[in-house]
Amino acid sequence: MCGLAHIVAGSVDAFYLVAIGQIDVATYLTGFFVPTLIGNV
């Protein structure tokens, strides 16, 4: 509801975009995985 970032649930979403060719893996890593991992921890 608040649009927050969760490392596992959000990875499903981000990898879906990777799978359909809308983003690349580097974008997933730098734009989602790294900042979300830092914040969740």
PDB file of all heavy atoms in Angstrom:
ATOM      1  N   MET A   1       0.824  -1.207   0.000  1.00  0.00           N
ATOM      2  CA  MET A   1       0.000   0.000   0.000  1.00  0.00           C
ATOM      3  C   MET A   1       0.860   1.260   0.000  1.00  0.00           C
ATOM      4  O   MET A   1       0.523   2.262  -0.637  1.00  0.00           O
ATOM      5  CB  MET A   1      -0.913  -0.016   1.222  1.00  0.00           C
ATOM      6  CG  MET A   1      -2.049   0.980   1.189  1.00  0.00           C
ATOM      7  SD  MET A   1      -3.008   0.912   2.727  1.00  0.00           S
ATOM      8  CE  MET A   1      -3.402  -0.840   2.803  1.00  0.00           C
ATOM      9  N   CYS A   2       1.972   1.211   0.716  1.00  0.00           N
ATOM     10  CA  CYS A   2       2.863   2.373   0.826  1.00  0.00           C
ATOM     11  C   CYS A   2       3.932   2.406  -0.259  1.00  0.00           C
ATOM     12  O   CYS A   2       4.786   3.308  -0.261  1.00  0.00           O
ATOM     13  CB  CYS A   2       3.521   2.390   2.208  1.00  0.00           C
ATOM     14  SG  CYS A   2       2.351   2.529   3.576  1.00  0.00           S
ATOM     15  N   GLY A   3       3.935   1.415  -1.157  1.00  0.00           N
ATOM     16  CA  GLY A   3       4.909   1.391  -2.239  1.00  0.00           C
ATOM     17  C   GLY A   3       6.329   1.172  -1.777  1.00  0.00           C
ATOM     18  O   GLY A   3       7.281   1.718  -2.354  1.00  0.00           O
ATOM     19  N   LEU A   4       6.514   0.355  -0.736  1.00  0.00           N
ATOM     20  CA  LEU A   4       7.836   0.125  -0.169  1.00  0.00           C
ATOM     21  C   LEU A   4       8.571  -0.979  -0.926  1.00  0.00           C
ATOM     22  O   LEU A   4       7.997  -1.664  -1.759  1.00  0.00           O
ATOM     23  CB  LEU A   4       7.704  -0.213   1.321  1.00  0.00           C
ATOM     24  CG  LEU A   4       6.919   0.806   2.149  1.00  0.00           C
ATOM     25  CD1 LEU A   4       6.835   0.371   3.605  1.00  0.00           C
ATOM     26  CD2 LEU A   4       7.532   2.203   2.036  1.00  0.00           C
ATOM     27  N   ALA A   5       9.857  -1.144  -0.622  1.00  0.00           N
ATOM     28  CA  ALA A   5      10.714  -2.069  -1.379  1.00  0.00           C
ATOM     29  C   ALA A   5      11.105  -3.269  -0.533  1.00  0.00           C
ATOM     30  O   ALA A   5      11.768  -3.106   0.495  1.00  0.00           O
ATOM     31  CB  ALA A   5      11.966  -1.348  -1.874  1.00  0.00           C
ATOM     32  N   HIS A   6      10.711  -4.460  -0.981  1.00  0.00           N
ATOM     33  CA  HIS A   6      11.046  -5.705  -0.295  1.00  0.00           C
ATOM     34  C   HIS A   6      11.933  -6.540  -1.202  1.00  0.00           C
ATOM     35  O   HIS A   6      11.589  -6.801  -2.362  1.00  0.00           O
ATOM     36  CB  HIS A   6       9.769  -6.470   0.069  1.00  0.00           C
ATOM     37  CG  HIS A   6      10.019  -7.714   0.863  1.00  0.00           C
ATOM     38  ND1 HIS A   6      10.287  -8.927   0.262  1.00  0.00           N
ATOM     39  CD2 HIS A   6      10.067  -7.932   2.199  1.00  0.00           C
ATOM     40  CE1 HIS A   6      10.465  -9.831   1.197  1.00  0.00           C
ATOM     41  NE2 HIS A   6      10.343  -9.258   2.377  1.00  0.00           N
ATOM     42  N   ILE A   7      13.064  -7.010  -0.692  1.00  0.00           N
ATOM     43  CA  ILE A   7      14.091  -7.624  -1.516  1.00  0.00           C
ATOM     44  C   ILE A   7      13.615  -8.868  -2.264  1.00  0.00           C
ATOM     45  O   ILE A   7      14.005  -9.100  -3.409  1.00  0.00           O
ATOM     46  CB  ILE A   7      15.352  -7.952  -0.661  1.00  0.00           C
ATOM     47  CG1 ILE A   7      16.519  -8.413  -1.530  1.00  0.00           C
ATOM     48  CG2 ILE A   7      15.034  -8.986   0.404  1.00  0.00           C
ATOM     49  CD1 ILE A   7      17.081  -7.346  -2.401  1.00  0.00           C
ATOM     50  N   VAL A   8      12.737  -9.676  -1.652  1.00  0.00           N
ATOM     51  CA  VAL A   8      12.313 -10.920  -2.303  1.00  0.00           C
ATOM     52  C   VAL A   8      11.086 -10.698  -3.173  1.00  0.00           C
ATOM     53  O   VAL A   8      11.090 -11.049  -4.362  1.00  0.00           O
ATOM     54  CB  VAL A   8      12.052 -12.028  -1.262  1.00  0.00           C
ATOM     55  CG1 VAL A   8      11.709 -13.341  -1.966  1.00  0.00           C
ATOM     56  CG2 VAL A   8      13.266 -12.224  -0.355  1.00  0.00           C
ATOM     57  N   ALA A   9      10.043 -10.116  -2.615  1.00  0.00           N
ATOM     58  CA  ALA A   9       8.841  -9.854  -3.417  1.00  0.00           C
ATOM     59  C   ALA A   9       9.170  -8.946  -4.593  1.00  0.00           C
ATOM     60  O   ALA A   9       8.706  -9.174  -5.720  1.00  0.00           O
ATOM     61  CB  ALA A   9       7.764  -9.226  -2.535  1.00  0.00           C
ATOM     62  N   GLY A  10       9.988  -7.933  -4.354  1.00  0.00           N
ATOM     63  CA  GLY A  10      10.355  -7.012  -5.428  1.00  0.00           C
ATOM     64  C   GLY A  10      11.226  -7.661  -6.490  1.00  0.00           C
ATOM     65  O   GLY A  10      11.197  -7.246  -7.659  1.00  0.00           O
ATOM     66  N   SER A  11      12.007  -8.671  -6.109  1.00  0.00           N
ATOM     67  CA  SER A  11      12.837  -9.358  -7.099  1.00  0.00           C
ATOM     68  C   SER A  11      11.991 -10.126  -8.106  1.00  0.00           C
ATOM     69  O   SER A  11      12.370 -10.249  -9.276  1.00  0.00           O
ATOM     70  CB  SER A  11      13.820 -10.303  -6.401  1.00  0.00           C
ATOM     71  OG  SER A  11      14.867  -9.582  -5.789  1.00  0.00           O
ATOM     72  N   VAL A  12      10.849 -10.655  -7.657  1.00  0.00           N
ATOM     73  CA  VAL A  12       9.930 -11.294  -8.611  1.00  0.00           C
ATOM     74  C   VAL A  12       9.512 -10.275  -9.665  1.00  0.00           C
ATOM     75  O   VAL A  12       9.547 -10.542 -10.871  1.00  0.00           O
ATOM     76  CB  VAL A  12       8.689 -11.860  -7.893  1.00  0.00           C
ATOM     77  CG1 VAL A  12       7.733 -12.483  -8.915  1.00  0.00           C
ATOM     78  CG2 VAL A  12       9.078 -12.890  -6.851  1.00  0.00           C
ATOM     79  N   ASP A  13       9.124  -9.080  -9.198  1.00  0.00           N
ATOM     80  CA  ASP A  13       8.692  -8.026 -10.116  1.00  0.00           C
ATOM     81  C   ASP A  13       9.819  -7.617 -11.061  1.00  0.00           C
ATOM     82  O   ASP A  13       9.627  -7.526 -12.280  1.00  0.00           O
ATOM     83  CB  ASP A  13       8.237  -6.797  -9.330  1.00  0.00           C
ATOM     84  CG  ASP A  13       7.067  -7.085  -8.410  1.00  0.00           C
ATOM     85  OD1 ASP A  13       6.530  -8.202  -8.459  1.00  0.00           O
ATOM     86  OD2 ASP A  13       6.689  -6.187  -7.634  1.00  0.00           O
ATOM     87  N   ALA A  14      10.992  -7.332 -10.492  1.00  0.00           N
ATOM     88  CA  ALA A  14      12.104  -6.850 -11.310  1.00  0.00           C
ATOM     89  C   ALA A  14      12.569  -7.911 -12.302  1.00  0.00           C
ATOM     90  O   ALA A  14      12.858  -7.595 -13.473  1.00  0.00           O
ATOM     91  CB  ALA A  14      13.257  -6.415 -10.412  1.00  0.00           C
ATOM     92  N   PHE A  15      12.633  -9.157 -11.875  1.00  0.00           N
ATOM     93  CA  PHE A  15      13.040 -10.226 -12.792  1.00  0.00           C
ATOM     94  C   PHE A  15      12.000 -10.449 -13.882  1.00  0.00           C
ATOM     95  O   PHE A  15      12.335 -10.902 -14.986  1.00  0.00           O
ATOM     96  CB  PHE A  15      13.300 -11.528 -12.032  1.00  0.00           C
ATOM     97  CG  PHE A  15      14.670 -11.616 -11.417  1.00  0.00           C
ATOM     98  CD1 PHE A  15      14.830 -12.076 -10.118  1.00  0.00           C
ATOM     99  CD2 PHE A  15      15.800 -11.270 -12.137  1.00  0.00           C
ATOM    100  CE1 PHE A  15      16.088 -12.168  -9.544  1.00  0.00           C
ATOM    101  CE2 PHE A  15      17.070 -11.356 -11.581  1.00  0.00           C
ATOM    102  CZ  PHE A  15      17.207 -11.800 -10.279  1.00  0.00           C
ATOM    103  N   TYR A  16      10.751 -10.143 -13.595  1.00  0.00           N
ATOM    104  CA  TYR A  16       9.733 -10.235 -14.647  1.00  0.00           C
ATOM    105  C   TYR A  16      10.053  -9.229 -15.753  1.00  0.00           C
ATOM    106  O   TYR A  16       9.957  -9.558 -16.950  1.00  0.00           O
ATOM    107  CB  TYR A  16       8.337  -9.972 -14.081  1.00  0.00           C
ATOM    108  CG  TYR A  16       7.238 -10.186 -15.096  1.00  0.00           C
ATOM    109  CD1 TYR A  16       6.736 -11.465 -15.346  1.00  0.00           C
ATOM    110  CD2 TYR A  16       6.730  -9.121 -15.842  1.00  0.00           C
ATOM    111  CE1 TYR A  16       5.750 -11.673 -16.297  1.00  0.00           C
ATOM    112  CE2 TYR A  16       5.745  -9.320 -16.798  1.00  0.00           C
ATOM    113  CZ  TYR A  16       5.256 -10.590 -17.013  1.00  0.00           C
ATOM    114  OH  TYR A  16       4.280 -10.802 -17.973  1.00  0.00           O
ATOM    115  N   LEU A  17      10.457  -8.016 -15.368  1.00  0.00           N
ATOM    116  CA  LEU A  17      10.838  -7.011 -16.361  1.00  0.00           C
ATOM    117  C   LEU A  17      12.089  -7.439 -17.124  1.00  0.00           C
ATOM    118  O   LEU A  17      12.209  -7.185 -18.327  1.00  0.00           O
ATOM    119  CB  LEU A  17      11.071  -5.664 -15.678  1.00  0.00           C
ATOM    120  CG  LEU A  17       9.848  -5.027 -14.999  1.00  0.00           C
ATOM    121  CD1 LEU A  17      10.244  -3.714 -14.322  1.00  0.00           C
ATOM    122  CD2 LEU A  17       8.725  -4.796 -15.993  1.00  0.00           C
ATOM    123  N   VAL A  18      13.017  -8.087 -16.437  1.00  0.00           N
ATOM    124  CA  VAL A  18      14.213  -8.616 -17.116  1.00  0.00           C
ATOM    125  C   VAL A  18      13.801  -9.676 -18.126  1.00  0.00           C
ATOM    126  O   VAL A  18      14.260  -9.694 -19.278  1.00  0.00           O
ATOM    127  CB  VAL A  18      15.208  -9.209 -16.102  1.00  0.00           C
ATOM    128  CG1 VAL A  18      16.349  -9.936 -16.817  1.00  0.00           C
ATOM    129  CG2 VAL A  18      15.771  -8.122 -15.187  1.00  0.00           C
ATOM    130  N   ALA A  19      12.900 -10.563 -17.724  1.00  0.00           N
ATOM    131  CA  ALA A  19      12.493 -11.674 -18.574  1.00  0.00           C
ATOM    132  C   ALA A  19      11.770 -11.211 -19.837  1.00  0.00           C
ATOM    133  O   ALA A  19      11.885 -11.847 -20.890  1.00  0.00           O
ATOM    134  CB  ALA A  19      11.604 -12.638 -17.785  1.00  0.00           C
ATOM    135  N   ILE A  20      11.027 -10.104 -19.745  1.00  0.00           N
ATOM    136  CA  ILE A  20      10.303  -9.625 -20.937  1.00  0.00           C
ATOM    137  C   ILE A  20      11.120  -8.568 -21.692  1.00  0.00           C
ATOM    138  O   ILE A  20      10.633  -7.972 -22.661  1.00  0.00           O
ATOM    139  CB  ILE A  20       8.913  -9.060 -20.573  1.00  0.00           C
ATOM    140  CG1 ILE A  20       9.026  -7.851 -19.648  1.00  0.00           C
ATOM    141  CG2 ILE A  20       8.045 -10.157 -19.959  1.00  0.00           C
ATOM    142  CD1 ILE A  20       7.681  -7.202 -19.327  1.00  0.00           C
ATOM    143  N   GLY A  21      12.351  -8.334 -21.252  1.00  0.00           N
ATOM    144  CA  GLY A  21      13.265  -7.473 -21.990  1.00  0.00           C
ATOM    145  C   GLY A  21      13.108  -5.988 -21.758  1.00  0.00           C
ATOM    146  O   GLY A  21      13.660  -5.181 -22.515  1.00  0.00           O
ATOM    147  N   GLN A  22      12.413  -5.581 -20.697  1.00  0.00           N
ATOM    148  CA  GLN A  22      12.212  -4.153 -20.453  1.00  0.00           C
ATOM    149  C   GLN A  22      13.346  -3.525 -19.636  1.00  0.00           C
ATOM    150  O   GLN A  22      13.536  -2.310 -19.682  1.00  0.00           O
ATOM    151  CB  GLN A  22      10.862  -3.919 -19.775  1.00  0.00           C
ATOM    152  CG  GLN A  22       9.679  -4.248 -20.677  1.00  0.00           C
ATOM    153  CD  GLN A  22       8.363  -3.710 -20.151  1.00  0.00           C
ATOM    154  OE1 GLN A  22       8.319  -2.965 -19.172  1.00  0.00           O
ATOM    155  NE2 GLN A  22       7.272  -4.086 -20.809  1.00  0.00           N
ATOM    156  N   ILE A  23      14.081  -4.332 -18.871  1.00  0.00           N
ATOM    157  CA  ILE A  23      15.285  -3.859 -18.193  1.00  0.00           C
ATOM    158  C   ILE A  23      16.346  -4.948 -18.305  1.00  0.00           C
ATOM    159  O   ILE A  23      16.027  -6.102 -18.629  1.00  0.00           O
ATOM    160  CB  ILE A  23      15.047  -3.504 -16.703  1.00  0.00           C
ATOM    161  CG1 ILE A  23      14.676  -4.754 -15.896  1.00  0.00           C
ATOM    162  CG2 ILE A  23      13.980  -2.426 -16.566  1.00  0.00           C
ATOM    163  CD1 ILE A  23      14.630  -4.522 -14.380  1.00  0.00           C
ATOM    164  N   ASP A  24      17.598  -4.594 -18.013  1.00  0.00           N
ATOM    165  CA  ASP A  24      18.660  -5.607 -18.008  1.00  0.00           C
ATOM    166  C   ASP A  24      19.040  -5.962 -16.570  1.00  0.00           C
ATOM    167  O   ASP A  24      18.575  -5.343 -15.612  1.00  0.00           O
ATOM    168  CB  ASP A  24      19.879  -5.147 -18.817  1.00  0.00           C
ATOM    169  CG  ASP A  24      20.431  -3.809 -18.327  1.00  0.00           C
ATOM    170  OD1 ASP A  24      20.196  -3.442 -17.144  1.00  0.00           O
ATOM    171  OD2 ASP A  24      21.097  -3.118 -19.119  1.00  0.00           O
ATOM    172  N   VAL A  25      19.900  -6.958 -16.436  1.00  0.00           N
ATOM    173  CA  VAL A  25      20.284  -7.426 -15.112  1.00  0.00           C
ATOM    174  C   VAL A  25      21.032  -6.343 -14.334  1.00  0.00           C
ATOM    175  O   VAL A  25      20.874  -6.214 -13.119  1.00  0.00           O
ATOM    176  CB  VAL A  25      21.149  -8.710 -15.223  1.00  0.00           C
ATOM    177  CG1 VAL A  25      21.673  -9.127 -13.853  1.00  0.00           C
ATOM    178  CG2 VAL A  25      20.333  -9.848 -15.834  1.00  0.00           C
ATOM    179  N   ALA A  26      21.835  -5.545 -15.034  1.00  0.00           N
ATOM    180  CA  ALA A  26      22.573  -4.468 -14.362  1.00  0.00           C
ATOM    181  C   ALA A  26      21.613  -3.469 -13.729  1.00  0.00           C
ATOM    182  O   ALA A  26      21.850  -2.977 -12.610  1.00  0.00           O
ATOM    183  CB  ALA A  26      23.500  -3.764 -15.350  1.00  0.00           C
ATOM    184  N   THR A  27      20.530  -3.164 -14.418  1.00  0.00           N
ATOM    185  CA  THR A  27      19.520  -2.251 -13.864  1.00  0.00           C
ATOM    186  C   THR A  27      18.867  -2.866 -12.636  1.00  0.00           C
ATOM    187  O   THR A  27      18.609  -2.172 -11.640  1.00  0.00           O
ATOM    188  CB  THR A  27      18.462  -1.917 -14.916  1.00  0.00           C
ATOM    189  OG1 THR A  27      19.094  -1.311 -16.051  1.00  0.00           O
ATOM    190  CG2 THR A  27      17.404  -0.970 -14.361  1.00  0.00           C
ATOM    191  N   TYR A  28      18.608  -4.163 -12.708  1.00  0.00           N
ATOM    192  CA  TYR A  28      18.049  -4.852 -11.540  1.00  0.00           C
ATOM    193  C   TYR A  28      18.995  -4.736 -10.343  1.00  0.00           C
ATOM    194  O   TYR A  28      18.562  -4.421  -9.228  1.00  0.00           O
ATOM    195  CB  TYR A  28      17.799  -6.329 -11.861  1.00  0.00           C
ATOM    196  CG  TYR A  28      17.676  -7.209 -10.641  1.00  0.00           C
ATOM    197  CD1 TYR A  28      16.539  -7.164  -9.836  1.00  0.00           C
ATOM    198  CD2 TYR A  28      18.706  -8.077 -10.269  1.00  0.00           C
ATOM    199  CE1 TYR A  28      16.429  -7.952  -8.693  1.00  0.00           C
ATOM    200  CE2 TYR A  28      18.608  -8.874  -9.142  1.00  0.00           C
ATOM    201  CZ  TYR A  28      17.463  -8.808  -8.357  1.00  0.00           C
ATOM    202  OH  TYR A  28      17.353  -9.586  -7.226  1.00  0.00           O
ATOM    203  N   LEU A  29      20.280  -4.963 -10.585  1.00  0.00           N
ATOM    204  CA  LEU A  29      21.246  -4.969  -9.485  1.00  0.00           C
ATOM    205  C   LEU A  29      21.434  -3.586  -8.879  1.00  0.00           C
ATOM    206  O   LEU A  29      21.387  -3.414  -7.656  1.00  0.00           O
ATOM    207  CB  LEU A  29      22.591  -5.515  -9.972  1.00  0.00           C
ATOM    208  CG  LEU A  29      22.625  -7.010 -10.314  1.00  0.00           C
ATOM    209  CD1 LEU A  29      23.963  -7.377 -10.940  1.00  0.00           C
ATOM    210  CD2 LEU A  29      22.368  -7.857  -9.078  1.00  0.00           C
ATOM    211  N   THR A  30      21.657  -2.584  -9.731  1.00  0.00           N
ATOM    212  CA  THR A  30      21.961  -1.245  -9.222  1.00  0.00           C
ATOM    213  C   THR A  30      20.715  -0.434  -8.874  1.00  0.00           C
ATOM    214  O   THR A  30      20.737   0.407  -7.981  1.00  0.00           O
ATOM    215  CB  THR A  30      22.807  -0.461 -10.242  1.00  0.00           C
ATOM    216  OG1 THR A  30      22.063  -0.346 -11.475  1.00  0.00           O
ATOM    217  CG2 THR A  30      24.122  -1.166 -10.513  1.00  0.00           C
ATOM    218  N   GLY A  31      19.624  -0.699  -9.579  1.00  0.00           N
ATOM    219  CA  GLY A  31      18.421   0.088  -9.366  1.00  0.00           C
ATOM    220  C   GLY A  31      17.472  -0.493  -8.330  1.00  0.00           C
ATOM    221  O   GLY A  31      16.630   0.232  -7.788  1.00  0.00           O
ATOM    222  N   PHE A  32      17.628  -1.801  -8.053  1.00  0.00           N
ATOM    223  CA  PHE A  32      16.734  -2.415  -7.071  1.00  0.00           C
ATOM    224  C   PHE A  32      17.474  -3.238  -6.025  1.00  0.00           C
ATOM    225  O   PHE A  32      17.358  -2.982  -4.828  1.00  0.00           O
ATOM    226  CB  PHE A  32      15.697  -3.304  -7.765  1.00  0.00           C
ATOM    227  CG  PHE A  32      14.850  -4.048  -6.778  1.00  0.00           C
ATOM    228  CD1 PHE A  32      13.823  -3.420  -6.093  1.00  0.00           C
ATOM    229  CD2 PHE A  32      15.097  -5.393  -6.492  1.00  0.00           C
ATOM    230  CE1 PHE A  32      13.057  -4.095  -5.148  1.00  0.00           C
ATOM    231  CE2 PHE A  32      14.339  -6.084  -5.548  1.00  0.00           C
ATOM    232  CZ  PHE A  32      13.321  -5.424  -4.873  1.00  0.00           C
ATOM    233  N   PHE A  33      18.227  -4.243  -6.442  1.00  0.00           N
ATOM    234  CA  PHE A  33      18.772  -5.213  -5.498  1.00  0.00           C
ATOM    235  C   PHE A  33      19.659  -4.574  -4.437  1.00  0.00           C
ATOM    236  O   PHE A  33      19.444  -4.779  -3.225  1.00  0.00           O
ATOM    237  CB  PHE A  33      19.552  -6.300  -6.246  1.00  0.00           C
ATOM    238  CG  PHE A  33      20.139  -7.349  -5.343  1.00  0.00           C
ATOM    239  CD1 PHE A  33      19.371  -8.416  -4.910  1.00  0.00           C
ATOM    240  CD2 PHE A  33      21.461  -7.270  -4.909  1.00  0.00           C
ATOM    241  CE1 PHE A  33      19.900  -9.382  -4.059  1.00  0.00           C
ATOM    242  CE2 PHE A  33      21.998  -8.224  -4.064  1.00  0.00           C
ATOM    243  CZ  PHE A  33      21.207  -9.285  -3.639  1.00  0.00           C
ATOM    244  N   VAL A  34      20.664  -3.823  -4.838  1.00  0.00           N
ATOM    245  CA  VAL A  34      21.615  -3.260  -3.875  1.00  0.00           C
ATOM    246  C   VAL A  34      20.939  -2.281  -2.915  1.00  0.00           C
ATOM    247  O   VAL A  34      21.075  -2.420  -1.685  1.00  0.00           O
ATOM    248  CB  VAL A  34      22.811  -2.609  -4.594  1.00  0.00           C
ATOM    249  CG1 VAL A  34      23.698  -1.871  -3.597  1.00  0.00           C
ATOM    250  CG2 VAL A  34      23.624  -3.664  -5.338  1.00  0.00           C
ATOM    251  N   PRO A  35      20.203  -1.270  -3.404  1.00  0.00           N
ATOM    252  CA  PRO A  35      19.586  -0.344  -2.442  1.00  0.00           C
ATOM    253  C   PRO A  35      18.536  -1.008  -1.549  1.00  0.00           C
ATOM    254  O   PRO A  35      18.405  -0.653  -0.375  1.00  0.00           O
ATOM    255  CB  PRO A  35      18.947   0.733  -3.336  1.00  0.00           C
ATOM    256  CG  PRO A  35      18.791   0.095  -4.670  1.00  0.00           C
ATOM    257  CD  PRO A  35      19.939  -0.854  -4.799  1.00  0.00           C
ATOM    258  N   THR A  36      17.812  -1.971  -2.096  1.00  0.00           N
ATOM    259  CA  THR A  36      16.782  -2.639  -1.298  1.00  0.00           C
ATOM    260  C   THR A  36      17.405  -3.535  -0.240  1.00  0.00           C
ATOM    261  O   THR A  36      16.931  -3.584   0.907  1.00  0.00           O
ATOM    262  CB  THR A  36      15.843  -3.456  -2.199  1.00  0.00           C
ATOM    263  OG1 THR A  36      15.275  -2.591  -3.187  1.00  0.00           O
ATOM    264  CG2 THR A  36      14.714  -4.084  -1.387  1.00  0.00           C
ATOM    265  N   LEU A  37      18.478  -4.222  -0.596  1.00  0.00           N
ATOM    266  CA  LEU A  37      19.172  -5.058   0.380  1.00  0.00           C
ATOM    267  C   LEU A  37      19.701  -4.218   1.528  1.00  0.00           C
ATOM    268  O   LEU A  37      19.532  -4.566   2.708  1.00  0.00           O
ATOM    269  CB  LEU A  37      20.319  -5.816  -0.305  1.00  0.00           C
ATOM    270  CG  LEU A  37      21.153  -6.740   0.599  1.00  0.00           C
ATOM    271  CD1 LEU A  37      20.292  -7.834   1.197  1.00  0.00           C
ATOM    272  CD2 LEU A  37      22.325  -7.325  -0.184  1.00  0.00           C
ATOM    273  N   ILE A  38      20.334  -3.092   1.194  1.00  0.00           N
ATOM    274  CA  ILE A  38      20.852  -2.200   2.241  1.00  0.00           C
ATOM    275  C   ILE A  38      19.719  -1.751   3.159  1.00  0.00           C
ATOM    276  O   ILE A  38      19.812  -1.828   4.392  1.00  0.00           O
ATOM    277  CB  ILE A  38      21.545  -0.976   1.613  1.00  0.00           C
ATOM    278  CG1 ILE A  38      22.813  -1.399   0.865  1.00  0.00           C
ATOM    279  CG2 ILE A  38      21.887   0.066   2.688  1.00  0.00           C
ATOM    280  CD1 ILE A  38      23.432  -0.283   0.019  1.00  0.00           C
ATOM    281  N   GLY A  39      18.646  -1.271   2.569  1.00  0.00           N
ATOM    282  CA  GLY A  39      17.547  -0.740   3.355  1.00  0.00           C
ATOM    283  C   GLY A  39      16.844  -1.780   4.207  1.00  0.00           C
ATOM    284  O   GLY A  39      16.546  -1.534   5.389  1.00  0.00           O
ATOM    285  N   ASN A  40      16.581  -2.952   3.642  1.00  0.00           N
ATOM    286  CA  ASN A  40      15.916  -4.004   4.409  1.00  0.00           C
ATOM    287  C   ASN A  40      16.747  -4.438   5.607  1.00  0.00           C
ATOM    288  O   ASN A  40      16.217  -4.644   6.705  1.00  0.00           O
ATOM    289  CB  ASN A  40      15.634  -5.219   3.520  1.00  0.00           C
ATOM    290  CG  ASN A  40      14.458  -5.066   2.586  1.00  0.00           C
ATOM    291  OD1 ASN A  40      14.201  -5.916   1.744  1.00  0.00           O
ATOM    292  ND2 ASN A  40      13.707  -3.972   2.714  1.00  0.00           N
ATOM    293  N   VAL A  41      18.063  -4.567   5.414  1.00  0.00           N
ATOM    294  CA  VAL A  41      18.936  -4.974   6.517  1.00  0.00           C
ATOM    295  C   VAL A  41      18.986  -3.890   7.590  1.00  0.00           C
ATOM    296  O   VAL A  41      18.854  -4.181   8.786  1.00  0.00           O
ATOM    297  CB  VAL A  41      20.354  -5.288   5.995  1.00  0.00           C
ATOM    298  CG1 VAL A  41      21.320  -5.472   7.165  1.00  0.00           C
ATOM    299  CG2 VAL A  41      20.329  -6.547   5.134  1.00  0.00           C
TER     300      VAL A  41
END
